[in-house]
């Protein structure tokens, strides 16, 4: 399978290219938004192809490509640019291809075929013989991407999305009783009406999945339903987060980009658009997982030479999810002091003091207060 790395200083572009490559059957082994880190990451990960934005602050994609070829790294370079005029420069540094923003699926597919022709050992990429993953995102708005396209599935009703999300959170092949589904999704209805709604919703889900070219379905069993998977199981962000936490994975140079992406992706509200009571235990559980992995990443940043503003962004992100955790506040306070001195640190402390006085009728802990005193004396 082809292995790719994506470099662009715009996170949204990185995520879009990453998603397009995954749907084309490519393994994205690394993403980078800091051009200064790109070359070292490429040297460590050794991708088959490096997708490079040309226009980046301080260090352009053209300069990175020149270093790639000067260092004789065995990888293809494909430029991503919003401007046609860079084409000549792209080929001057021996790039395989260049793609114009916004990326089109057809253009990307042609580029991947060119790479395969240059590197026949990679096998089929995105063709009829290659299997593409089904991707489900439960953080933020629930979305499901099927084999047949880059656009998420459009559900006939909101209950279709909610029922499938519920089933994706169950253990593989688990049979879920209709009574459990009644209680979760139609708690105010009697059994007869809930049963009619359940059967109708299942039928609509299965038709939508079939129309999208997926072999996944909800199958009727004796007293309920189970999710039937065909081939590779869906890639579910919640499952990936859970595995990282339960397997006690620690951030390290070889998985850092993956951990950073996972923390960023999973910082959105879990099951955002659903208001059923069944969601609350899952929200608590995955908030715990997110904070667990986020704190590990913060500790890793603090133990390595990471740019302070990047560390502060992560600390602030974690504080949004746990605003009264004073260990996180201590880390943020020190970073504010490093970046802006005593005045900025004091302003941050005073804003937090006002927050907990208003919402909790409390004052900051002694440790945080002592830290401010030691930083500003």
Protein backbone atom coordinates (compact mmCIF):
# COMPACT_ATOMS: atom_id res chain seq x y z
CA UNK A 1 0.00 0.00 0.00
CA UNK A 2 1.19 3.49 -0.83
CA UNK A 3 2.39 5.50 2.18
CA UNK A 4 1.96 9.28 2.11
CA UNK A 5 2.83 12.32 4.18
CA UNK A 6 1.02 15.68 3.92
CA UNK A 7 2.58 19.09 4.67
CA UNK A 8 0.50 22.29 4.65
CA UNK A 9 0.45 25.18 7.11
CA UNK A 10 -3.38 25.23 6.98
CA UNK A 11 -4.82 22.51 9.22
CA UNK A 12 -8.11 22.37 7.30
CA UNK A 13 -6.24 21.65 4.06
CA UNK A 14 -4.20 18.94 5.78
CA UNK A 15 -7.38 17.28 7.03
CA UNK A 16 -9.03 17.48 3.60
CA UNK A 17 -6.04 15.97 1.77
CA UNK A 18 -5.69 13.33 4.48
CA UNK A 19 -9.34 12.33 4.07
CA UNK A 20 -9.11 12.24 0.27
CA UNK A 21 -6.03 10.03 0.39
CA UNK A 22 -7.59 7.64 2.90
CA UNK A 23 -10.66 7.29 0.69
CA UNK A 24 -8.37 6.58 -2.26
CA UNK A 25 -6.81 3.66 -0.40
CA UNK A 26 -3.58 5.41 0.62
CA UNK A 27 -2.01 5.02 4.06
CA UNK A 28 -1.36 8.52 5.47
CA UNK A 29 1.52 7.94 7.89
CA UNK A 30 2.10 11.56 8.86
CA UNK A 31 0.76 15.12 8.61
CA UNK A 32 2.57 18.34 9.43
CA UNK A 33 1.51 21.99 9.67
CA UNK A 34 4.95 23.34 10.59
CA UNK A 35 7.21 23.49 7.51
CA UNK A 36 10.31 23.61 9.70
CA UNK A 37 9.46 20.16 11.07
CA UNK A 38 8.54 18.65 7.70
CA UNK A 39 11.97 17.53 6.50
CA UNK A 40 12.89 15.77 9.75
CA UNK A 41 9.52 14.06 9.82
CA UNK A 42 9.92 12.91 6.22
CA UNK A 43 13.37 11.54 7.01
CA UNK A 44 11.97 9.62 9.98
CA UNK A 45 8.78 8.30 8.37
CA UNK A 46 10.16 7.61 4.85
CA UNK A 47 6.87 7.95 2.91
CA UNK A 48 6.53 6.89 -0.71
CA UNK A 49 5.13 10.31 -1.58
CA UNK A 50 5.30 13.73 0.06
CA UNK A 51 2.38 16.08 -0.62
CA UNK A 52 3.77 19.60 -0.13
CA UNK A 53 2.07 22.98 -0.04
CA UNK A 54 4.22 25.46 -1.96
CA UNK A 55 3.22 28.69 -0.23
CA UNK A 56 4.12 28.45 3.46
CA UNK A 57 5.52 31.11 5.80
CA UNK A 58 9.31 31.31 6.24
CA UNK A 59 10.02 28.00 4.47
CA UNK A 60 8.36 27.17 1.16
CA UNK A 61 7.50 23.76 -0.19
CA UNK A 62 9.98 24.36 -3.03
CA UNK A 63 12.81 24.75 -0.49
CA UNK A 64 11.74 21.60 1.36
CA UNK A 65 11.65 19.66 -1.93
CA UNK A 66 15.15 20.85 -2.82
CA UNK A 67 16.37 19.48 0.52
CA UNK A 68 14.55 16.19 -0.09
CA UNK A 69 16.38 15.70 -3.38
CA UNK A 70 19.70 17.03 -2.07
CA UNK A 71 19.54 14.49 0.77
CA UNK A 72 18.67 11.75 -1.76
CA UNK A 73 15.52 10.73 0.12
CA UNK A 74 13.68 7.99 -1.76
CA UNK A 75 10.25 9.56 -2.14
CA UNK A 76 8.13 11.29 -4.75
CA UNK A 77 7.13 14.92 -4.27
CA UNK A 78 3.71 16.25 -5.27
CA UNK A 79 3.07 19.96 -4.80
CA UNK A 80 -0.25 21.44 -3.70
CA UNK A 81 -0.76 25.05 -4.72
CA UNK A 82 -3.46 27.63 -5.32
CA UNK A 83 -1.45 29.25 -8.13
CA UNK A 84 -0.70 27.95 -11.63
CA UNK A 85 2.45 30.05 -11.94
CA UNK A 86 4.32 27.68 -9.62
CA UNK A 87 4.13 24.82 -12.13
CA UNK A 88 7.47 25.64 -13.77
CA UNK A 89 9.19 25.91 -10.39
CA UNK A 90 7.62 22.63 -9.32
CA UNK A 91 9.09 20.73 -12.22
CA UNK A 92 12.40 22.58 -11.88
CA UNK A 93 12.94 20.76 -8.59
CA UNK A 94 11.95 17.45 -10.20
CA UNK A 95 8.54 17.09 -8.55
CA UNK A 96 6.41 14.26 -9.88
CA UNK A 97 3.28 16.41 -10.17
CA UNK A 98 1.45 19.44 -8.83
CA UNK A 99 -2.21 19.77 -7.82
CA UNK A 100 -4.26 22.94 -7.72
CA UNK A 101 -6.41 23.87 -4.73
CA UNK A 102 -9.18 23.04 -4.18
CA UNK A 103 -8.17 19.44 -4.85
CA UNK A 104 -10.38 17.40 -7.16
CA UNK A 105 -10.78 13.66 -6.73
CA UNK A 106 -10.13 12.95 -10.42
CA UNK A 107 -6.88 14.93 -10.43
CA UNK A 108 -5.67 13.25 -7.26
CA UNK A 109 -6.46 9.82 -8.71
CA UNK A 110 -4.39 10.56 -11.81
CA UNK A 111 -1.49 11.63 -9.62
CA UNK A 112 -1.72 8.44 -7.56
CA UNK A 113 -1.68 6.37 -10.77
CA UNK A 114 1.47 8.19 -11.89
CA UNK A 115 3.11 7.37 -8.56
CA UNK A 116 2.10 3.73 -8.92
CA UNK A 117 3.63 3.64 -12.40
CA UNK A 118 6.87 5.00 -10.98
CA UNK A 119 6.70 2.59 -8.04
CA UNK A 120 4.99 -0.59 -9.29
CA UNK A 121 5.76 -2.47 -6.07
CA UNK A 122 3.04 -0.43 -4.35
CA UNK A 123 0.26 -2.36 -6.11
CA UNK A 124 -3.23 -1.02 -6.87
CA UNK A 125 -4.14 2.35 -5.42
CA UNK A 126 -7.76 3.42 -5.47
CA UNK A 127 -8.63 1.06 -8.32
CA UNK A 128 -11.28 -1.60 -8.41
CA UNK A 129 -8.94 -4.04 -6.73
CA UNK A 130 -8.18 -1.78 -3.79
CA UNK A 131 -10.39 -1.80 -0.74
CA UNK A 132 -11.28 1.57 0.75
CA UNK A 133 -12.21 2.17 4.32
CA UNK A 134 -15.50 3.30 5.74
CA UNK A 135 -14.83 6.22 8.11
CA UNK A 136 -17.17 7.23 10.94
CA UNK A 137 -16.70 10.40 12.99
CA UNK A 138 -18.56 10.64 16.32
CA UNK A 139 -16.75 13.69 17.69
CA UNK A 140 -18.53 16.79 16.47
CA UNK A 141 -21.39 16.17 14.06
CA UNK A 142 -21.83 12.46 13.31
CA UNK A 143 -20.61 11.78 9.78
CA UNK A 144 -20.12 8.59 7.81
CA UNK A 145 -17.99 8.38 4.67
CA UNK A 146 -18.51 5.38 2.43
CA UNK A 147 -16.36 3.83 -0.28
CA UNK A 148 -18.09 5.58 -3.11
CA UNK A 149 -17.32 9.24 -2.43
CA UNK A 150 -15.74 12.02 -0.43
CA UNK A 151 -19.02 13.55 0.68
CA UNK A 152 -20.59 12.23 3.90
CA UNK A 153 -23.78 10.21 3.78
CA UNK A 154 -26.97 12.27 3.85
CA UNK A 155 -29.54 10.65 6.11
CA UNK A 156 -33.26 10.64 5.41
CA UNK A 157 -34.03 11.49 9.05
CA UNK A 158 -32.00 12.51 12.10
CA UNK A 159 -33.06 9.25 13.79
CA UNK A 160 -31.24 7.29 11.07
CA UNK A 161 -27.99 8.99 11.99
CA UNK A 162 -28.65 8.59 15.72
CA UNK A 163 -29.48 4.87 15.50
CA UNK A 164 -26.41 4.06 13.42
CA UNK A 165 -24.19 6.09 15.77
CA UNK A 166 -25.64 4.11 18.69
CA UNK A 167 -24.88 0.80 16.96
CA UNK A 168 -21.33 1.86 16.06
CA UNK A 169 -20.63 2.40 19.76
CA UNK A 170 -21.58 -1.19 20.64
CA UNK A 171 -19.05 -4.05 20.71
CA UNK A 172 -18.59 -5.69 17.29
CA UNK A 173 -21.41 -8.05 16.30
CA UNK A 174 -23.31 -7.37 19.54
CA UNK A 175 -27.02 -8.11 19.36
CA UNK A 176 -28.91 -5.11 20.73
CA UNK A 177 -32.44 -5.79 21.93
CA UNK A 178 -35.30 -3.76 20.54
CA UNK A 179 -36.24 -2.83 24.12
CA UNK A 180 -32.83 -1.21 24.61
CA UNK A 181 -33.27 0.70 21.37
CA UNK A 182 -36.79 1.78 22.34
CA UNK A 183 -35.49 3.15 25.65
CA UNK A 184 -32.54 4.94 24.05
CA UNK A 185 -34.15 6.48 20.98
CA UNK A 186 -37.92 6.55 21.58
CA UNK A 187 -38.28 6.67 25.37
CA UNK A 188 -41.58 8.61 25.33
CA UNK A 189 -43.39 6.24 22.96
CA UNK A 190 -45.25 3.03 23.72
CA UNK A 191 -43.80 -0.26 22.48
CA UNK A 192 -46.05 -0.48 19.42
CA UNK A 193 -45.26 2.98 18.10
CA UNK A 194 -41.56 2.69 18.98
CA UNK A 195 -41.44 -0.65 17.15
CA UNK A 196 -42.91 0.90 14.00
CA UNK A 197 -40.39 3.76 14.15
CA UNK A 198 -37.49 1.37 14.76
CA UNK A 199 -38.34 -0.86 11.79
CA UNK A 200 -38.83 2.15 9.53
CA UNK A 201 -35.54 3.70 10.62
CA UNK A 202 -33.62 0.44 10.11
CA UNK A 203 -35.10 0.09 6.62
CA UNK A 204 -34.06 3.65 5.71
CA UNK A 205 -30.53 3.13 7.06
CA UNK A 206 -30.06 -0.08 5.07
CA UNK A 207 -31.34 1.53 1.87
CA UNK A 208 -29.02 4.50 2.32
CA UNK A 209 -26.04 2.21 2.91
CA UNK A 210 -26.91 0.07 -0.13
CA UNK A 211 -27.33 3.14 -2.32
CA UNK A 212 -23.91 4.31 -1.17
CA UNK A 213 -22.33 1.02 -2.22
CA UNK A 214 -21.66 -0.27 1.29
CA UNK A 215 -22.15 -3.88 2.37
CA UNK A 216 -22.61 -2.75 5.98
CA UNK A 217 -26.16 -3.18 7.30
CA UNK A 218 -28.38 -3.57 10.34
CA UNK A 219 -29.62 -7.15 10.49
CA UNK A 220 -32.71 -8.31 12.37
CA UNK A 221 -32.07 -10.95 15.05
CA UNK A 222 -34.49 -12.71 17.38
CA UNK A 223 -35.17 -9.79 19.74
CA UNK A 224 -33.40 -6.87 18.12
CA UNK A 225 -30.66 -5.92 15.68
CA UNK A 226 -26.93 -6.17 15.15
CA UNK A 227 -24.55 -4.24 12.93
CA UNK A 228 -23.19 -6.48 10.18
CA UNK A 229 -19.81 -5.52 8.75
CA UNK A 230 -18.44 -6.80 5.48
CA UNK A 231 -14.69 -6.71 5.01
CA UNK A 232 -12.71 -4.14 6.98
CA UNK A 233 -14.47 -2.65 10.01
CA UNK A 234 -15.21 1.09 9.87
CA UNK A 235 -12.51 3.42 11.11
CA UNK A 236 -14.27 5.11 14.05
CA UNK A 237 -12.58 8.05 15.78
CA UNK A 238 -14.08 7.08 19.15
CA UNK A 239 -12.68 3.55 18.91
CA UNK A 240 -9.25 4.86 17.98
CA UNK A 241 -9.23 7.24 20.95
CA UNK A 242 -10.36 4.48 23.28
CA UNK A 243 -7.64 2.08 22.09
CA UNK A 244 -4.93 4.72 22.57
CA UNK A 245 -6.04 5.33 26.15
CA UNK A 246 -6.78 1.75 27.23
CA UNK A 247 -3.54 0.50 25.68
CA UNK A 248 -1.70 3.24 27.61
CA UNK A 249 -0.01 4.56 24.47
CA UNK A 250 2.51 7.31 25.24
CA UNK A 251 3.33 10.11 22.79
CA UNK A 252 6.72 9.52 21.17
CA UNK A 253 8.56 10.77 18.06
CA UNK A 254 7.27 7.89 15.93
CA UNK A 255 3.58 8.47 16.75
CA UNK A 256 3.56 12.18 17.63
CA UNK A 257 1.77 13.43 14.53
CA UNK A 258 -0.88 10.73 14.90
CA UNK A 259 -1.47 11.64 18.56
CA UNK A 260 -1.66 15.36 17.74
CA UNK A 261 -4.21 14.72 14.99
CA UNK A 262 -6.27 12.49 17.24
CA UNK A 263 -6.35 15.03 20.08
CA UNK A 264 -7.31 17.83 17.69
CA UNK A 265 -10.02 15.76 15.99
CA UNK A 266 -11.49 14.52 19.25
CA UNK A 267 -11.59 17.93 20.91
CA UNK A 268 -15.03 18.56 19.43
CA UNK A 269 -18.18 17.77 21.46
CA UNK A 270 -19.01 14.07 21.38
CA UNK A 271 -22.28 13.20 19.57
CA UNK A 272 -22.83 16.92 19.16
CA UNK A 273 -26.25 16.99 17.50
CA UNK A 274 -27.98 14.29 19.55
CA UNK A 275 -29.91 15.16 22.71
CA UNK A 276 -30.97 11.71 23.94
CA UNK A 277 -30.21 10.77 27.53
CA UNK A 278 -28.28 7.73 26.24
CA UNK A 279 -25.54 10.06 24.98
CA UNK A 280 -24.52 11.38 28.40
CA UNK A 281 -22.57 8.33 29.71
CA UNK A 282 -20.69 8.17 26.41
CA UNK A 283 -19.91 11.90 26.55
CA UNK A 284 -18.43 11.50 30.04
CA UNK A 285 -16.46 8.44 29.01
CA UNK A 286 -14.93 9.97 25.88
CA UNK A 287 -14.29 13.31 27.57
CA UNK A 288 -12.25 11.33 30.09
CA UNK A 289 -10.36 9.60 27.26
CA UNK A 290 -9.73 12.91 25.47
CA UNK A 291 -8.37 14.59 28.60
CA UNK A 292 -6.23 11.53 29.39
CA UNK A 293 -4.51 11.56 26.01
CA UNK A 294 -4.39 15.37 25.88
CA UNK A 295 -2.59 15.54 29.24
CA UNK A 296 -0.07 12.94 28.08
CA UNK A 297 0.62 15.04 25.00
CA UNK A 298 1.01 18.16 27.15
CA UNK A 299 3.54 16.38 29.39
CA UNK A 300 5.43 15.23 26.30
CA UNK A 301 5.55 18.80 25.00
CA UNK A 302 6.80 20.05 28.36
CA UNK A 303 9.61 17.47 28.37
CA UNK A 304 10.81 18.30 24.85
CA UNK A 305 11.86 21.37 22.92
CA UNK A 306 8.43 22.40 21.61
CA UNK A 307 7.60 25.98 20.68
CA UNK A 308 5.81 27.55 23.71
CA UNK A 309 2.87 28.94 21.73
CA UNK A 310 2.08 25.43 20.44
CA UNK A 311 2.14 24.10 24.01
CA UNK A 312 -0.11 26.93 25.19
CA UNK A 313 -2.66 26.20 22.45
CA UNK A 314 -2.89 22.62 23.69
CA UNK A 315 -3.14 23.71 27.34
CA UNK A 316 -5.93 26.17 26.48
CA UNK A 317 -7.74 23.46 24.52
CA UNK A 318 -7.64 21.12 27.52
CA UNK A 319 -8.77 23.92 29.85
CA UNK A 320 -11.86 24.42 27.66
CA UNK A 321 -12.85 20.85 28.51
CA UNK A 322 -11.84 20.98 32.18
CA UNK A 323 -11.82 24.66 33.22
CA UNK A 324 -11.39 24.01 36.98
CA UNK A 325 -8.37 21.68 36.74
CA UNK A 326 -5.63 23.70 38.40
CA UNK A 327 -2.84 21.43 37.17
CA UNK A 328 -3.76 22.51 33.65
CA UNK A 329 -4.10 26.11 34.86
CA UNK A 330 -0.59 25.96 36.33
CA UNK A 331 0.85 24.80 33.00
CA UNK A 332 -1.03 27.55 31.16
CA UNK A 333 0.03 30.20 33.69
CA UNK A 334 3.71 29.36 33.24
CA UNK A 335 3.34 29.48 29.46
CA UNK A 336 1.58 32.84 29.57
CA UNK A 337 4.47 34.12 31.67
CA UNK A 338 7.06 32.77 29.20
CA UNK A 339 5.26 34.40 26.28
CA UNK A 340 4.15 37.69 27.83
CA UNK A 341 5.84 38.21 31.17
CA UNK A 342 4.35 39.10 34.56
CA UNK A 343 1.57 41.32 33.24
CA UNK A 344 0.15 38.61 30.99
CA UNK A 345 0.45 35.93 33.69
CA UNK A 346 -1.33 38.16 36.22
CA UNK A 347 -4.15 38.91 33.78
CA UNK A 348 -4.62 35.17 33.16
CA UNK A 349 -4.71 34.44 36.91
CA UNK A 350 -7.22 37.24 37.54
CA UNK A 351 -9.51 36.02 34.75
CA UNK A 352 -9.50 32.53 36.27
CA UNK A 353 -10.13 33.99 39.75
CA UNK A 354 -13.20 35.82 38.45
CA UNK A 355 -14.46 32.68 36.73
CA UNK A 356 -14.41 30.43 39.79
CA UNK A 357 -15.63 33.17 42.11
CA UNK A 358 -18.66 33.70 39.86
CA UNK A 359 -19.40 30.06 39.05
CA UNK A 360 -18.22 28.20 42.15
CA UNK A 361 -17.98 30.84 44.86
CA UNK A 362 -14.36 29.76 45.36
CA UNK A 363 -10.81 31.09 45.08
CA UNK A 364 -7.77 29.66 43.26
CA UNK A 365 -5.83 27.00 45.15
CA UNK A 366 -2.73 27.80 47.16
CA UNK A 367 -0.41 26.08 44.68
CA UNK A 368 -1.60 28.18 41.74
CA UNK A 369 -1.43 31.36 43.82
CA UNK A 370 2.10 30.53 44.97
CA UNK A 371 3.13 29.85 41.38
CA UNK A 372 1.92 33.29 40.29
CA UNK A 373 3.78 34.88 43.18
CA UNK A 374 7.02 33.11 42.26
CA UNK A 375 6.69 34.11 38.60
CA UNK A 376 5.95 37.79 39.22
CA UNK A 377 8.26 38.60 42.13
